Amino acid sequence: MKKRILACERCQGRNYSYPADNNTHTRLEMKKFCKRCNEHTLHLETK
């Protein structure tokens, strides 16, 4: 089972992971809390 890894846009810290859905080909974007930045930032799916 593959995972989607989300990285913070500011500090590039990889904070979150989600199970991959095989039928979607778009990159996941979510606004999540970053522990390093200590605030809510945009998290993007890594390659």
PDB file of N, CA and C in Angstrom:
ATOM      1  N   MET A   1       0.836  -1.192   0.000  1.00  0.00           N
ATOM      2  CA  MET A   1       0.000   0.000   0.000  1.00  0.00           C
ATOM      3  C   MET A   1       0.874   1.246   0.000  1.00  0.00           C
ATOM      4  N   LYS A   2       0.630   2.131  -0.937  1.00  0.00           N
ATOM      5  CA  LYS A   2       1.407   3.358  -1.048  1.00  0.00           C
ATOM      6  C   LYS A   2       0.876   4.431  -0.118  1.00  0.00           C
ATOM      7  N   LYS A   3       1.748   5.375   0.210  1.00  0.00           N
ATOM      8  CA  LYS A   3       1.364   6.502   1.055  1.00  0.00           C
ATOM      9  C   LYS A   3       1.643   7.798   0.323  1.00  0.00           C
ATOM     10  N   ARG A   4       0.845   8.799   0.622  1.00  0.00           N
ATOM     11  CA  ARG A   4       1.089  10.151   0.152  1.00  0.00           C
ATOM     12  C   ARG A   4       1.745  10.913   1.291  1.00  0.00           C
ATOM     13  N   ILE A   5       2.883  11.520   1.034  1.00  0.00           N
ATOM     14  CA  ILE A   5       3.608  12.275   2.043  1.00  0.00           C
ATOM     15  C   ILE A   5       3.367  13.759   1.786  1.00  0.00           C
ATOM     16  N   LEU A   6       2.988  14.490   2.845  1.00  0.00           N
ATOM     17  CA  LEU A   6       2.758  15.926   2.737  1.00  0.00           C
ATOM     18  C   LEU A   6       3.909  16.676   3.380  1.00  0.00           C
ATOM     19  N   ALA A   7       4.416  17.695   2.683  1.00  0.00           N
ATOM     20  CA  ALA A   7       5.521  18.509   3.179  1.00  0.00           C
ATOM     21  C   ALA A   7       5.076  19.959   3.290  1.00  0.00           C
ATOM     22  N   CYS A   8       5.562  20.626   4.319  1.00  0.00           N
ATOM     23  CA  CYS A   8       5.250  22.041   4.544  1.00  0.00           C
ATOM     24  C   CYS A   8       5.848  22.883   3.419  1.00  0.00           C
ATOM     25  N   GLU A   9       5.100  23.858   2.959  1.00  0.00           N
ATOM     26  CA  GLU A   9       5.562  24.709   1.872  1.00  0.00           C
ATOM     27  C   GLU A   9       6.703  25.625   2.315  1.00  0.00           C
ATOM     28  N   ARG A  10       6.699  26.061   3.561  1.00  0.00           N
ATOM     29  CA  ARG A  10       7.726  26.988   4.053  1.00  0.00           C
ATOM     30  C   ARG A  10       9.035  26.296   4.414  1.00  0.00           C
ATOM     31  N   CYS A  11       8.969  25.329   5.334  1.00  0.00           N
ATOM     32  CA  CYS A  11      10.204  24.725   5.856  1.00  0.00           C
ATOM     33  C   CYS A  11      10.542  23.388   5.208  1.00  0.00           C
ATOM     34  N   GLN A  12       9.681  22.877   4.344  1.00  0.00           N
ATOM     35  CA  GLN A  12       9.858  21.600   3.645  1.00  0.00           C
ATOM     36  C   GLN A  12       9.907  20.404   4.590  1.00  0.00           C
ATOM     37  N   GLY A  13       9.391  20.557   5.814  1.00  0.00           N
ATOM     38  CA  GLY A  13       9.324  19.437   6.751  1.00  0.00           C
ATOM     39  C   GLY A  13       8.219  18.478   6.354  1.00  0.00           C
ATOM     40  N   ARG A  14       8.510  17.197   6.354  1.00  0.00           N
ATOM     41  CA  ARG A  14       7.529  16.174   5.982  1.00  0.00           C
ATOM     42  C   ARG A  14       6.806  15.735   7.240  1.00  0.00           C
ATOM     43  N   ASN A  15       5.577  16.233   7.428  1.00  0.00           N
ATOM     44  CA  ASN A  15       4.864  16.075   8.683  1.00  0.00           C
ATOM     45  C   ASN A  15       3.728  15.059   8.652  1.00  0.00           C
ATOM     46  N   TYR A  16       3.088  14.875   7.523  1.00  0.00           N
ATOM     47  CA  TYR A  16       1.870  14.067   7.469  1.00  0.00           C
ATOM     48  C   TYR A  16       1.952  13.033   6.353  1.00  0.00           C
ATOM     49  N   SER A  17       1.225  11.917   6.528  1.00  0.00           N
ATOM     50  CA  SER A  17       1.114  10.914   5.475  1.00  0.00           C
ATOM     51  C   SER A  17      -0.324  10.408   5.433  1.00  0.00           C
ATOM     52  N   TYR A  18      -0.774  10.074   4.239  1.00  0.00           N
ATOM     53  CA  TYR A  18      -2.121   9.564   3.997  1.00  0.00           C
ATOM     54  C   TYR A  18      -2.026   8.375   3.067  1.00  0.00           C
ATOM     55  N   PRO A  19      -2.963   7.429   3.148  1.00  0.00           N
ATOM     56  CA  PRO A  19      -2.957   6.329   2.181  1.00  0.00           C
ATOM     57  C   PRO A  19      -3.251   6.852   0.776  1.00  0.00           C
ATOM     58  N   ALA A  20      -2.554   6.323  -0.204  1.00  0.00           N
ATOM     59  CA  ALA A  20      -2.707   6.772  -1.588  1.00  0.00           C
ATOM     60  C   ALA A  20      -3.959   6.177  -2.200  1.00  0.00           C
ATOM     61  N   ASP A  21      -4.636   6.983  -2.996  1.00  0.00           N
ATOM     62  CA  ASP A  21      -5.788   6.541  -3.770  1.00  0.00           C
ATOM     63  C   ASP A  21      -5.313   6.383  -5.212  1.00  0.00           C
ATOM     64  N   ASN A  22      -5.333   5.183  -5.735  1.00  0.00           N
ATOM     65  CA  ASN A  22      -4.710   4.886  -7.026  1.00  0.00           C
ATOM     66  C   ASN A  22      -5.400   5.537  -8.213  1.00  0.00           C
ATOM     67  N   ASN A  23      -6.655   5.924  -8.097  1.00  0.00           N
ATOM     68  CA  ASN A  23      -7.364   6.446  -9.264  1.00  0.00           C
ATOM     69  C   ASN A  23      -7.311   7.975  -9.372  1.00  0.00           C
ATOM     70  N   THR A  24      -6.602   8.664  -8.480  1.00  0.00           N
ATOM     71  CA  THR A  24      -6.462  10.115  -8.600  1.00  0.00           C
ATOM     72  C   THR A  24      -5.036  10.453  -8.999  1.00  0.00           C
ATOM     73  N   HIS A  25      -4.883  11.382  -9.931  1.00  0.00           N
ATOM     74  CA  HIS A  25      -3.565  11.751 -10.434  1.00  0.00           C
ATOM     75  C   HIS A  25      -3.224  13.205 -10.127  1.00  0.00           C
ATOM     76  N   THR A  26      -4.003  13.840  -9.273  1.00  0.00           N
ATOM     77  CA  THR A  26      -3.705  15.217  -8.905  1.00  0.00           C
ATOM     78  C   THR A  26      -2.926  15.231  -7.600  1.00  0.00           C
ATOM     79  N   ARG A  27      -2.101  16.260  -7.426  1.00  0.00           N
ATOM     80  CA  ARG A  27      -1.305  16.372  -6.209  1.00  0.00           C
ATOM     81  C   ARG A  27      -2.159  16.960  -5.097  1.00  0.00           C
ATOM     82  N   LEU A  28      -2.035  16.394  -3.928  1.00  0.00           N
ATOM     83  CA  LEU A  28      -2.831  16.762  -2.771  1.00  0.00           C
ATOM     84  C   LEU A  28      -2.280  18.039  -2.137  1.00  0.00           C
ATOM     85  N   GLU A  29      -3.174  18.971  -1.783  1.00  0.00           N
ATOM     86  CA  GLU A  29      -2.815  20.210  -1.086  1.00  0.00           C
ATOM     87  C   GLU A  29      -3.764  20.390   0.081  1.00  0.00           C
ATOM     88  N   MET A  30      -3.219  20.604   1.274  1.00  0.00           N
ATOM     89  CA  MET A  30      -4.035  20.808   2.465  1.00  0.00           C
ATOM     90  C   MET A  30      -3.390  21.856   3.356  1.00  0.00           C
ATOM     91  N   LYS A  31      -4.218  22.565   4.079  1.00  0.00           N
ATOM     92  CA  LYS A  31      -3.709  23.501   5.071  1.00  0.00           C
ATOM     93  C   LYS A  31      -3.693  22.769   6.412  1.00  0.00           C
ATOM     94  N   LYS A  32      -2.482  22.506   6.922  1.00  0.00           N
ATOM     95  CA  LYS A  32      -2.306  21.730   8.141  1.00  0.00           C
ATOM     96  C   LYS A  32      -1.376  22.486   9.092  1.00  0.00           C
ATOM     97  N   PHE A  33      -1.333  22.024  10.349  1.00  0.00           N
ATOM     98  CA  PHE A  33      -0.460  22.637  11.346  1.00  0.00           C
ATOM     99  C   PHE A  33       0.943  22.069  11.205  1.00  0.00           C
ATOM    100  N   CYS A  34       1.937  22.943  11.123  1.00  0.00           N
ATOM    101  CA  CYS A  34       3.341  22.547  11.038  1.00  0.00           C
ATOM    102  C   CYS A  34       3.983  22.748  12.406  1.00  0.00           C
ATOM    103  N   LYS A  35       4.604  21.707  12.937  1.00  0.00           N
ATOM    104  CA  LYS A  35       5.238  21.777  14.249  1.00  0.00           C
ATOM    105  C   LYS A  35       6.483  22.655  14.231  1.00  0.00           C
ATOM    106  N   ARG A  36       7.202  22.661  13.124  1.00  0.00           N
ATOM    107  CA  ARG A  36       8.429  23.466  13.023  1.00  0.00           C
ATOM    108  C   ARG A  36       8.131  24.953  12.901  1.00  0.00           C
ATOM    109  N   CYS A  37       7.149  25.299  12.060  1.00  0.00           N
ATOM    110  CA  CYS A  37       6.769  26.707  11.871  1.00  0.00           C
ATOM    111  C   CYS A  37       5.859  27.201  12.993  1.00  0.00           C
ATOM    112  N   ASN A  38       5.218  26.275  13.704  1.00  0.00           N
ATOM    113  CA  ASN A  38       4.307  26.567  14.806  1.00  0.00           C
ATOM    114  C   ASN A  38       3.087  27.371  14.363  1.00  0.00           C
ATOM    115  N   GLU A  39       2.587  27.082  13.153  1.00  0.00           N
ATOM    116  CA  GLU A  39       1.379  27.715  12.634  1.00  0.00           C
ATOM    117  C   GLU A  39       0.803  26.877  11.501  1.00  0.00           C
ATOM    118  N   HIS A  40      -0.393  27.230  11.070  1.00  0.00           N
ATOM    119  CA  HIS A  40      -1.037  26.526   9.954  1.00  0.00           C
ATOM    120  C   HIS A  40      -0.451  27.024   8.635  1.00  0.00           C
ATOM    121  N   THR A  41       0.065  26.102   7.836  1.00  0.00           N
ATOM    122  CA  THR A  41       0.638  26.430   6.544  1.00  0.00           C
ATOM    123  C   THR A  41       0.119  25.451   5.493  1.00  0.00           C
ATOM    124  N   LEU A  42       0.353  25.778   4.251  1.00  0.00           N
ATOM    125  CA  LEU A  42      -0.059  24.911   3.156  1.00  0.00           C
ATOM    126  C   LEU A  42       0.913  23.740   3.054  1.00  0.00           C
ATOM    127  N   HIS A  43       0.396  22.524   3.013  1.00  0.00           N
ATOM    128  CA  HIS A  43       1.194  21.317   2.861  1.00  0.00           C
ATOM    129  C   HIS A  43       0.902  20.718   1.502  1.00  0.00           C
ATOM    130  N   LEU A  44       1.954  20.382   0.759  1.00  0.00           N
ATOM    131  CA  LEU A  44       1.842  19.842  -0.593  1.00  0.00           C
ATOM    132  C   LEU A  44       2.343  18.409  -0.630  1.00  0.00           C
ATOM    133  N   GLU A  45       1.765  17.630  -1.524  1.00  0.00           N
ATOM    134  CA  GLU A  45       2.205  16.246  -1.687  1.00  0.00           C
ATOM    135  C   GLU A  45       3.576  16.215  -2.351  1.00  0.00           C
ATOM    136  N   THR A  46       4.478  15.422  -1.801  1.00  0.00           N
ATOM    137  CA  THR A  46       5.815  15.287  -2.383  1.00  0.00           C
ATOM    138  C   THR A  46       5.799  14.247  -3.497  1.00  0.00           C
ATOM    139  N   LYS A  47       6.845  14.206  -4.274  1.00  0.00           N
ATOM    140  CA  LYS A  47       6.926  13.256  -5.380  1.00  0.00           C
ATOM    141  C   LYS A  47       7.264  11.878  -4.893  1.00  0.00           C
TER     142      LYS A  47
END
